[in-house]
C-alpha cells in the first residue's frame, strides 16, 4: 500500500507568476529586480541590488545612492547575476521607493530579507 496524500501536485514555494502558465517568461527570476539584505558582523548589514538591466548606467546609480543614503557602496561582478550593487547598511525600502519613482513598475521589484 502506498501513501498517495504525501505526493502533492502544488509546490508551496512556487511564485505567483509561475502559476499563470503563460509561454512567456512571466515567472522567471530574470525579469525581477531583487533587493536583498545580507548580515555581516554583529548588527552590520549589506544591501544588495541585482537584476537591473544593462541599459542603466550602474556607476551613476551607485553614485546617487551613496549621496542620497549617506553610505558607502560598490559594484561587484557576480558570476550568475552579472554586475550587482552593494551598499553598506539596510536601505531596502529606500532603494525600492527610488526605483518606483524612476518609473520601474512595482510588480517587477522584489524585496527580500528579515
Protein backbone atom coordinates (compact mmCIF):
# COMPACT_ATOMS: atom_id res chain seq x y z
CA UNK A 1 0.00 0.00 0.00
CA UNK A 2 1.38 3.42 -0.93
CA UNK A 3 0.52 6.71 0.66
CA UNK A 4 -0.91 8.97 -2.02
CA UNK A 5 -1.63 12.07 0.02
CA UNK A 6 2.08 12.81 0.52
CA UNK A 7 2.52 13.41 -3.19
CA UNK A 8 1.33 16.95 -3.82
CA UNK A 9 0.75 18.49 -7.20
CA UNK A 10 1.15 22.04 -5.90
CA UNK A 11 4.53 23.49 -5.00
CA UNK A 12 4.10 25.76 -1.94
CA UNK A 13 7.32 27.64 -2.79
CA UNK A 14 6.30 28.44 -6.35
CA UNK A 15 6.00 32.14 -7.20
CA UNK A 16 2.60 33.55 -8.10
CA UNK A 17 3.84 34.47 -11.57
CA UNK A 18 4.75 30.84 -12.24
CA UNK A 19 1.14 29.80 -11.67
CA UNK A 20 -0.08 31.70 -14.73
CA UNK A 21 1.29 29.09 -17.14
CA UNK A 22 1.96 31.54 -19.99
CA UNK A 23 4.56 30.72 -22.59
CA UNK A 24 6.36 33.95 -21.78
CA UNK A 25 8.93 34.16 -19.00
CA UNK A 26 6.48 35.93 -16.69
CA UNK A 27 7.54 33.94 -13.66
CA UNK A 28 11.21 33.72 -14.46
CA UNK A 29 13.58 35.20 -11.93
CA UNK A 30 15.47 37.13 -14.61
CA UNK A 31 12.59 39.61 -15.07
CA UNK A 32 12.69 40.76 -11.45
CA UNK A 33 14.87 43.27 -9.66
CA UNK A 34 15.91 41.75 -6.34
CA UNK A 35 16.78 43.83 -3.29
CA UNK A 36 18.34 41.65 -0.61
CA UNK A 37 19.97 42.13 2.76
CA UNK A 38 22.98 40.20 3.98
CA UNK A 39 24.08 40.03 7.61
CA UNK A 40 27.73 40.83 8.36
CA UNK A 41 29.37 41.04 11.80
CA UNK A 42 27.05 41.88 14.66
CA UNK A 43 24.44 44.40 13.54
CA UNK A 44 26.22 45.37 10.32
CA UNK A 45 24.42 44.61 7.07
CA UNK A 46 24.85 44.87 3.31
CA UNK A 47 22.05 45.74 0.91
CA UNK A 48 22.40 44.02 -2.46
CA UNK A 49 20.63 45.18 -5.63
CA UNK A 50 20.65 42.75 -8.55
CA UNK A 51 18.74 42.28 -11.77
CA UNK A 52 18.92 45.80 -13.19
CA UNK A 53 19.00 45.95 -16.97
CA UNK A 54 22.29 46.55 -18.77
CA UNK A 55 20.66 49.67 -20.25
CA UNK A 56 21.15 51.54 -16.97
CA UNK A 57 24.46 53.11 -16.01
CA UNK A 58 25.13 51.35 -12.70
CA UNK A 59 28.03 53.66 -11.79
CA UNK A 60 25.75 56.71 -11.89
CA UNK A 61 23.01 54.90 -9.95
CA UNK A 62 25.56 53.89 -7.31
CA UNK A 63 26.80 57.47 -7.06
CA UNK A 64 23.23 58.75 -6.48
CA UNK A 65 22.57 56.02 -3.88
CA UNK A 66 25.74 56.84 -1.96
CA UNK A 67 24.94 60.54 -1.91
CA UNK A 68 21.23 60.25 -1.03
CA UNK A 69 21.54 57.44 1.53
CA UNK A 70 24.80 58.66 3.15
CA UNK A 71 26.50 55.30 2.88
CA UNK A 72 29.36 53.62 1.06
CA UNK A 73 28.85 51.17 -1.77
CA UNK A 74 30.50 49.30 -4.61
CA UNK A 75 29.83 47.50 -7.89
CA UNK A 76 30.61 43.78 -7.76
CA UNK A 77 30.82 41.37 -10.69
CA UNK A 78 28.85 38.20 -9.86
CA UNK A 79 29.17 35.03 -11.97
CA UNK A 80 25.44 34.30 -12.06
CA UNK A 81 23.78 37.74 -11.77
CA UNK A 82 26.28 39.97 -13.60
CA UNK A 83 27.02 43.35 -12.03
CA UNK A 84 25.35 43.98 -8.69
CA UNK A 85 25.33 46.99 -6.37
CA UNK A 86 26.30 46.54 -2.72
CA UNK A 87 25.54 49.24 -0.16
CA UNK A 88 26.54 49.35 3.48
CA UNK A 89 23.53 49.30 5.79
CA UNK A 90 19.86 48.43 5.37
CA UNK A 91 18.47 50.53 2.51
CA UNK A 92 15.90 48.13 1.03
CA UNK A 93 12.85 50.39 1.31
CA UNK A 94 14.75 53.48 0.14
CA UNK A 95 16.03 51.67 -2.95
CA UNK A 96 12.57 50.29 -3.75
CA UNK A 97 10.93 53.72 -3.48
CA UNK A 98 13.73 55.29 -5.57
CA UNK A 99 13.25 52.73 -8.36
CA UNK A 100 9.46 53.21 -8.33
CA UNK A 101 9.90 56.99 -8.57
CA UNK A 102 12.18 56.50 -11.58
CA UNK A 103 9.48 54.60 -13.46
CA UNK A 104 10.26 50.94 -12.81
CA UNK A 105 7.00 49.02 -12.20
CA UNK A 106 6.42 47.94 -8.60
CA UNK A 107 5.45 44.43 -9.76
CA UNK A 108 9.00 43.77 -11.01
CA UNK A 109 10.69 44.70 -7.71
CA UNK A 110 11.11 42.01 -5.05
CA UNK A 111 12.36 42.98 -1.59
CA UNK A 112 13.85 40.08 0.38
CA UNK A 113 15.10 39.82 3.93
CA UNK A 114 14.11 39.51 7.51
